[in-house]
């Protein structure tokens, strides 16, 4: 695994954790949805990067 893949996975887990915390904290649904969308896009990019290797 390259350094880029490791960084992308760390950012993905950070986004997922932030989404979970925002949901549990009772933030607005729109904000949680935005974080979830960003996490999904980043996850797709990470999956593509990992599959490329």
N, C-alpha and C. Protein backbone atom coordinates (compact mmCIF):
# COMPACT_ATOMS: atom_id res chain seq x y z
N UNK A 1 0.86 -1.17 0.00
CA UNK A 1 0.00 0.00 0.00
C UNK A 1 0.90 1.23 0.00
N UNK A 2 0.60 2.15 -0.88
CA UNK A 2 1.37 3.39 -0.98
C UNK A 2 0.98 4.37 0.11
N UNK A 3 1.77 5.41 0.24
CA UNK A 3 1.48 6.46 1.21
C UNK A 3 0.17 7.17 0.86
N UNK A 4 -0.06 7.38 -0.43
CA UNK A 4 -1.29 8.05 -0.86
C UNK A 4 -2.52 7.23 -0.46
N UNK A 5 -2.44 5.93 -0.63
CA UNK A 5 -3.57 5.07 -0.25
C UNK A 5 -3.83 5.15 1.25
N UNK A 6 -2.76 5.16 2.03
CA UNK A 6 -2.90 5.24 3.48
C UNK A 6 -3.53 6.57 3.90
N UNK A 7 -3.10 7.64 3.27
CA UNK A 7 -3.66 8.95 3.60
C UNK A 7 -5.13 9.01 3.20
N UNK A 8 -5.45 8.47 2.04
CA UNK A 8 -6.85 8.49 1.60
C UNK A 8 -7.74 7.68 2.55
N UNK A 9 -7.24 6.55 3.04
CA UNK A 9 -8.02 5.75 4.00
C UNK A 9 -8.18 6.48 5.33
N UNK A 10 -7.13 7.15 5.78
CA UNK A 10 -7.23 7.92 7.03
C UNK A 10 -8.25 9.05 6.92
N UNK A 11 -8.23 9.75 5.80
CA UNK A 11 -9.20 10.83 5.59
C UNK A 11 -10.62 10.26 5.51
N UNK A 12 -10.77 9.11 4.86
CA UNK A 12 -12.08 8.47 4.77
C UNK A 12 -12.61 8.12 6.15
N UNK A 13 -11.77 7.51 6.99
CA UNK A 13 -12.22 7.16 8.33
C UNK A 13 -12.50 8.40 9.16
N UNK A 14 -11.74 9.46 8.96
CA UNK A 14 -12.01 10.72 9.65
C UNK A 14 -13.34 11.32 9.24
N UNK A 15 -13.65 11.28 7.95
CA UNK A 15 -14.93 11.79 7.47
C UNK A 15 -16.10 10.97 8.01
N UNK A 16 -15.92 9.66 8.03
CA UNK A 16 -16.98 8.81 8.57
C UNK A 16 -17.18 9.05 10.07
N UNK A 17 -16.09 9.23 10.80
CA UNK A 17 -16.21 9.53 12.23
C UNK A 17 -16.89 10.88 12.45
N UNK A 18 -16.53 11.88 11.65
CA UNK A 18 -17.15 13.20 11.78
C UNK A 18 -18.63 13.13 11.46
N UNK A 19 -19.00 12.33 10.47
CA UNK A 19 -20.41 12.16 10.12
C UNK A 19 -21.17 11.52 11.27
N UNK A 20 -20.60 10.48 11.86
CA UNK A 20 -21.25 9.80 12.98
C UNK A 20 -21.41 10.73 14.18
N UNK A 21 -20.36 11.48 14.49
CA UNK A 21 -20.42 12.40 15.63
C UNK A 21 -21.43 13.51 15.37
N UNK A 22 -21.47 14.02 14.16
CA UNK A 22 -22.43 15.08 13.82
C UNK A 22 -23.86 14.57 13.93
N UNK A 23 -24.08 13.34 13.51
CA UNK A 23 -25.42 12.76 13.61
C UNK A 23 -25.82 12.57 15.06
N UNK A 24 -24.91 12.04 15.87
CA UNK A 24 -25.20 11.79 17.28
C UNK A 24 -25.36 13.09 18.07
N UNK A 25 -24.68 14.14 17.63
CA UNK A 25 -24.75 15.42 18.33
C UNK A 25 -26.03 16.18 18.01
N UNK A 26 -26.77 15.71 17.02
CA UNK A 26 -28.03 16.35 16.69
C UNK A 26 -27.89 17.55 15.77
N UNK A 27 -26.87 17.57 14.96
CA UNK A 27 -26.72 18.66 14.00
C UNK A 27 -27.84 18.60 12.96
N UNK A 28 -27.94 19.67 12.22
CA UNK A 28 -29.00 19.74 11.21
C UNK A 28 -28.84 18.62 10.19
N UNK A 29 -29.96 18.13 9.75
CA UNK A 29 -29.97 17.01 8.81
C UNK A 29 -29.24 17.35 7.51
N UNK A 30 -29.35 18.59 7.09
CA UNK A 30 -28.68 19.03 5.87
C UNK A 30 -27.17 18.93 6.00
N UNK A 31 -26.64 19.32 7.17
CA UNK A 31 -25.20 19.27 7.40
C UNK A 31 -24.70 17.83 7.46
N UNK A 32 -25.46 16.96 8.13
CA UNK A 32 -25.07 15.56 8.20
C UNK A 32 -25.13 14.93 6.81
N UNK A 33 -26.13 15.30 6.04
CA UNK A 33 -26.23 14.79 4.67
C UNK A 33 -25.07 15.24 3.80
N UNK A 34 -24.62 16.48 4.01
CA UNK A 34 -23.46 16.98 3.27
C UNK A 34 -22.21 16.19 3.63
N UNK A 35 -22.02 15.94 4.92
CA UNK A 35 -20.87 15.13 5.33
C UNK A 35 -20.97 13.71 4.78
N UNK A 36 -22.16 13.17 4.77
CA UNK A 36 -22.35 11.82 4.25
C UNK A 36 -22.07 11.77 2.76
N UNK A 37 -22.50 12.77 2.03
CA UNK A 37 -22.22 12.83 0.59
C UNK A 37 -20.73 12.96 0.31
N UNK A 38 -20.07 13.81 1.09
CA UNK A 38 -18.63 13.97 0.93
C UNK A 38 -17.90 12.68 1.26
N UNK A 39 -18.35 11.98 2.29
CA UNK A 39 -17.75 10.70 2.65
C UNK A 39 -17.95 9.66 1.55
N UNK A 40 -19.12 9.66 0.95
CA UNK A 40 -19.40 8.70 -0.12
C UNK A 40 -18.52 8.98 -1.35
N UNK A 41 -18.39 10.24 -1.69
CA UNK A 41 -17.53 10.59 -2.83
C UNK A 41 -16.07 10.26 -2.56
N UNK A 42 -15.63 10.57 -1.35
CA UNK A 42 -14.24 10.27 -1.01
C UNK A 42 -14.03 8.75 -0.97
N UNK A 43 -15.02 8.02 -0.48
CA UNK A 43 -14.93 6.55 -0.45
C UNK A 43 -14.86 5.97 -1.84
N UNK A 44 -15.62 6.53 -2.76
CA UNK A 44 -15.55 6.05 -4.15
C UNK A 44 -14.18 6.33 -4.75
N UNK A 45 -13.64 7.49 -4.46
CA UNK A 45 -12.30 7.82 -4.95
C UNK A 45 -11.23 6.94 -4.34
N UNK A 46 -11.38 6.63 -3.06
CA UNK A 46 -10.44 5.74 -2.40
C UNK A 46 -10.51 4.33 -2.97
N UNK A 47 -11.73 3.86 -3.20
CA UNK A 47 -11.90 2.52 -3.79
C UNK A 47 -11.29 2.46 -5.18
N UNK A 48 -11.47 3.53 -5.95
CA UNK A 48 -10.89 3.55 -7.29
C UNK A 48 -9.37 3.58 -7.22
N UNK A 49 -8.81 4.32 -6.27
CA UNK A 49 -7.37 4.40 -6.12
C UNK A 49 -6.79 3.05 -5.68
N UNK A 50 -7.49 2.37 -4.79
CA UNK A 50 -7.02 1.06 -4.33
C UNK A 50 -7.16 0.01 -5.43
N UNK A 51 -8.17 0.13 -6.25
CA UNK A 51 -8.38 -0.83 -7.33
C UNK A 51 -7.38 -0.60 -8.47
N UNK A 52 -6.90 0.62 -8.60
CA UNK A 52 -5.97 0.97 -9.67
C UNK A 52 -4.65 0.23 -9.52
N UNK A 53 -4.28 -0.03 -8.28
CA UNK A 53 -2.98 -0.69 -8.00
C UNK A 53 -3.03 -2.10 -8.30
